[in-house]
């Protein structure tokens, strides 16, 4: 955008040597801006898919003994638990096997400081 403004200024406003200087400076500024925004946008890896669910807390929708359903972020997932979990209890996602979440009761979790 800055280059476009510099070109318009070079054609209609600025005298001959300064028009070229304005275009070059604006072009370099645009290139620097693109490089900075590209580096900034790639500063961390995007987490997508089911692996982002590991470690999150979900709520059991029914009895998990050993299988059942849980709700996490408004989505309903099939889940499996080693121990029985009552309806409404919180569970922590330990892993993912296909489309089934492997969960453990949140009460089994050590408290974090």
C-alpha atoms as a PDB file:
ATOM      1  CA  UNK A   1       0.000   0.000   0.000  1.00  0.00           C
ATOM      2  CA  UNK A   2       2.842   2.341   0.857  1.00  0.00           C
ATOM      3  CA  UNK A   3       4.435   1.663  -2.529  1.00  0.00           C
ATOM      4  CA  UNK A   4       1.207   2.580  -4.298  1.00  0.00           C
ATOM      5  CA  UNK A   5       1.052   5.906  -2.461  1.00  0.00           C
ATOM      6  CA  UNK A   6       4.713   6.572  -3.316  1.00  0.00           C
ATOM      7  CA  UNK A   7       4.061   5.887  -7.007  1.00  0.00           C
ATOM      8  CA  UNK A   8       1.121   8.282  -7.058  1.00  0.00           C
ATOM      9  CA  UNK A   9       3.209  10.938  -5.282  1.00  0.00           C
ATOM     10  CA  UNK A  10       6.115  10.343  -7.675  1.00  0.00           C
ATOM     11  CA  UNK A  11       3.911  10.831 -10.727  1.00  0.00           C
ATOM     12  CA  UNK A  12       1.844  13.796  -9.608  1.00  0.00           C
ATOM     13  CA  UNK A  13       3.627  15.630  -6.768  1.00  0.00           C
ATOM     14  CA  UNK A  14       7.354  15.028  -6.307  1.00  0.00           C
ATOM     15  CA  UNK A  15      10.076  16.322  -8.611  1.00  0.00           C
ATOM     16  CA  UNK A  16      11.989  13.749 -10.689  1.00  0.00           C
ATOM     17  CA  UNK A  17      14.839  12.530  -8.458  1.00  0.00           C
ATOM     18  CA  UNK A  18      12.719  12.497  -5.273  1.00  0.00           C
ATOM     19  CA  UNK A  19       9.941  10.482  -6.857  1.00  0.00           C
ATOM     20  CA  UNK A  20      12.310   7.606  -7.534  1.00  0.00           C
ATOM     21  CA  UNK A  21      13.700   7.831  -3.974  1.00  0.00           C
ATOM     22  CA  UNK A  22      10.135   7.728  -2.558  1.00  0.00           C
ATOM     23  CA  UNK A  23       9.288   4.623  -4.603  1.00  0.00           C
ATOM     24  CA  UNK A  24      12.466   2.783  -3.534  1.00  0.00           C
ATOM     25  CA  UNK A  25      12.036   3.649   0.157  1.00  0.00           C
ATOM     26  CA  UNK A  26       8.357   2.674   0.117  1.00  0.00           C
ATOM     27  CA  UNK A  27       9.176  -0.603  -1.650  1.00  0.00           C
ATOM     28  CA  UNK A  28      11.829  -1.466   0.936  1.00  0.00           C
ATOM     29  CA  UNK A  29       9.423  -0.591   3.755  1.00  0.00           C
ATOM     30  CA  UNK A  30       6.774  -2.889   2.244  1.00  0.00           C
ATOM     31  CA  UNK A  31       9.277  -5.745   1.920  1.00  0.00           C
ATOM     32  CA  UNK A  32      10.407  -5.305   5.550  1.00  0.00           C
ATOM     33  CA  UNK A  33       6.780  -5.244   6.683  1.00  0.00           C
ATOM     34  CA  UNK A  34       6.029  -8.513   4.884  1.00  0.00           C
ATOM     35  CA  UNK A  35       9.097 -10.201   6.405  1.00  0.00           C
ATOM     36  CA  UNK A  36       8.260  -9.016   9.932  1.00  0.00           C
ATOM     37  CA  UNK A  37       4.612 -10.117   9.716  1.00  0.00           C
ATOM     38  CA  UNK A  38       5.579 -13.508   8.257  1.00  0.00           C
ATOM     39  CA  UNK A  39       8.057 -14.181  11.083  1.00  0.00           C
ATOM     40  CA  UNK A  40       5.546 -12.951  13.673  1.00  0.00           C
ATOM     41  CA  UNK A  41       2.726 -15.149  12.313  1.00  0.00           C
ATOM     42  CA  UNK A  42       4.887 -18.285  12.461  1.00  0.00           C
ATOM     43  CA  UNK A  43       6.167 -17.764  16.017  1.00  0.00           C
ATOM     44  CA  UNK A  44       4.406 -20.868  17.351  1.00  0.00           C
ATOM     45  CA  UNK A  45       3.109 -24.049  15.818  1.00  0.00           C
ATOM     46  CA  UNK A  46      -0.649 -24.313  15.463  1.00  0.00           C
ATOM     47  CA  UNK A  47      -2.235 -27.080  17.508  1.00  0.00           C
ATOM     48  CA  UNK A  48      -5.070 -28.748  15.680  1.00  0.00           C
ATOM     49  CA  UNK A  49      -6.779 -32.110  15.809  1.00  0.00           C
ATOM     50  CA  UNK A  50      -7.426 -34.489  18.633  1.00  0.00           C
ATOM     51  CA  UNK A  51      -3.937 -34.134  20.146  1.00  0.00           C
ATOM     52  CA  UNK A  52      -4.964 -30.743  21.510  1.00  0.00           C
ATOM     53  CA  UNK A  53      -7.533 -32.491  23.724  1.00  0.00           C
ATOM     54  CA  UNK A  54      -4.946 -34.359  25.806  1.00  0.00           C
ATOM     55  CA  UNK A  55      -4.752 -32.802  29.272  1.00  0.00           C
ATOM     56  CA  UNK A  56      -8.083 -31.001  28.965  1.00  0.00           C
ATOM     57  CA  UNK A  57     -11.008 -31.454  31.365  1.00  0.00           C
ATOM     58  CA  UNK A  58     -14.328 -32.918  30.204  1.00  0.00           C
ATOM     59  CA  UNK A  59     -17.657 -33.746  31.885  1.00  0.00           C
ATOM     60  CA  UNK A  60     -19.164 -37.241  31.814  1.00  0.00           C
ATOM     61  CA  UNK A  61     -22.622 -37.256  30.209  1.00  0.00           C
ATOM     62  CA  UNK A  62     -23.493 -40.649  31.629  1.00  0.00           C
ATOM     63  CA  UNK A  63     -21.904 -43.493  33.537  1.00  0.00           C
ATOM     64  CA  UNK A  64     -18.441 -44.307  32.196  1.00  0.00           C
ATOM     65  CA  UNK A  65     -17.975 -47.971  33.055  1.00  0.00           C
ATOM     66  CA  UNK A  66     -15.750 -48.487  31.051  1.00  0.00           C
ATOM     67  CA  UNK A  67     -17.253 -46.691  28.025  1.00  0.00           C
ATOM     68  CA  UNK A  68     -19.605 -43.758  27.592  1.00  0.00           C
ATOM     69  CA  UNK A  69     -19.713 -40.166  26.415  1.00  0.00           C
ATOM     70  CA  UNK A  70     -18.113 -36.938  27.610  1.00  0.00           C
ATOM     71  CA  UNK A  71     -18.599 -33.301  26.681  1.00  0.00           C
ATOM     72  CA  UNK A  72     -15.580 -31.097  26.032  1.00  0.00           C
ATOM     73  CA  UNK A  73     -15.912 -27.559  24.635  1.00  0.00           C
ATOM     74  CA  UNK A  74     -19.511 -28.250  23.637  1.00  0.00           C
ATOM     75  CA  UNK A  75     -18.600 -31.372  21.645  1.00  0.00           C
ATOM     76  CA  UNK A  76     -19.676 -34.882  22.604  1.00  0.00           C
ATOM     77  CA  UNK A  77     -16.983 -37.569  22.386  1.00  0.00           C
ATOM     78  CA  UNK A  78     -16.956 -41.296  23.013  1.00  0.00           C
ATOM     79  CA  UNK A  79     -14.748 -42.029  26.009  1.00  0.00           C
ATOM     80  CA  UNK A  80     -13.252 -44.945  27.882  1.00  0.00           C
ATOM     81  CA  UNK A  81     -12.140 -44.968  31.513  1.00  0.00           C
ATOM     82  CA  UNK A  82     -10.277 -47.557  33.597  1.00  0.00           C
ATOM     83  CA  UNK A  83     -12.362 -46.611  36.645  1.00  0.00           C
ATOM     84  CA  UNK A  84     -16.096 -46.004  36.786  1.00  0.00           C
ATOM     85  CA  UNK A  85     -17.086 -42.350  36.545  1.00  0.00           C
ATOM     86  CA  UNK A  86     -20.567 -41.067  37.493  1.00  0.00           C
ATOM     87  CA  UNK A  87     -22.668 -38.745  35.356  1.00  0.00           C
ATOM     88  CA  UNK A  88     -21.615 -35.100  35.763  1.00  0.00           C
ATOM     89  CA  UNK A  89     -18.161 -35.868  37.160  1.00  0.00           C
ATOM     90  CA  UNK A  90     -15.119 -34.206  35.648  1.00  0.00           C
ATOM     91  CA  UNK A  91     -12.531 -36.295  33.848  1.00  0.00           C
ATOM     92  CA  UNK A  92      -9.132 -35.498  32.353  1.00  0.00           C
ATOM     93  CA  UNK A  93      -8.249 -36.664  28.849  1.00  0.00           C
ATOM     94  CA  UNK A  94      -5.158 -38.910  29.023  1.00  0.00           C
ATOM     95  CA  UNK A  95      -4.952 -39.967  25.380  1.00  0.00           C
ATOM     96  CA  UNK A  96      -6.785 -40.601  22.137  1.00  0.00           C
ATOM     97  CA  UNK A  97      -7.330 -43.941  20.403  1.00  0.00           C
ATOM     98  CA  UNK A  98      -8.988 -43.349  17.058  1.00  0.00           C
ATOM     99  CA  UNK A  99     -12.072 -41.300  17.911  1.00  0.00           C
ATOM    100  CA  UNK A 100     -12.302 -42.543  21.510  1.00  0.00           C
ATOM    101  CA  UNK A 101     -10.869 -40.440  24.326  1.00  0.00           C
ATOM    102  CA  UNK A 102      -9.039 -42.276  27.092  1.00  0.00           C
ATOM    103  CA  UNK A 103      -9.966 -40.469  30.310  1.00  0.00           C
ATOM    104  CA  UNK A 104      -9.305 -40.647  34.042  1.00  0.00           C
ATOM    105  CA  UNK A 105     -11.307 -39.103  36.885  1.00  0.00           C
ATOM    106  CA  UNK A 106     -10.179 -35.555  37.664  1.00  0.00           C
ATOM    107  CA  UNK A 107     -10.092 -36.464  41.365  1.00  0.00           C
ATOM    108  CA  UNK A 108      -7.117 -38.752  40.605  1.00  0.00           C
ATOM    109  CA  UNK A 109      -5.106 -35.733  39.454  1.00  0.00           C
ATOM    110  CA  UNK A 110      -2.447 -34.328  41.800  1.00  0.00           C
ATOM    111  CA  UNK A 111      -3.030 -30.689  42.705  1.00  0.00           C
ATOM    112  CA  UNK A 112      -0.868 -28.243  40.788  1.00  0.00           C
ATOM    113  CA  UNK A 113       0.781 -25.363  42.583  1.00  0.00           C
END
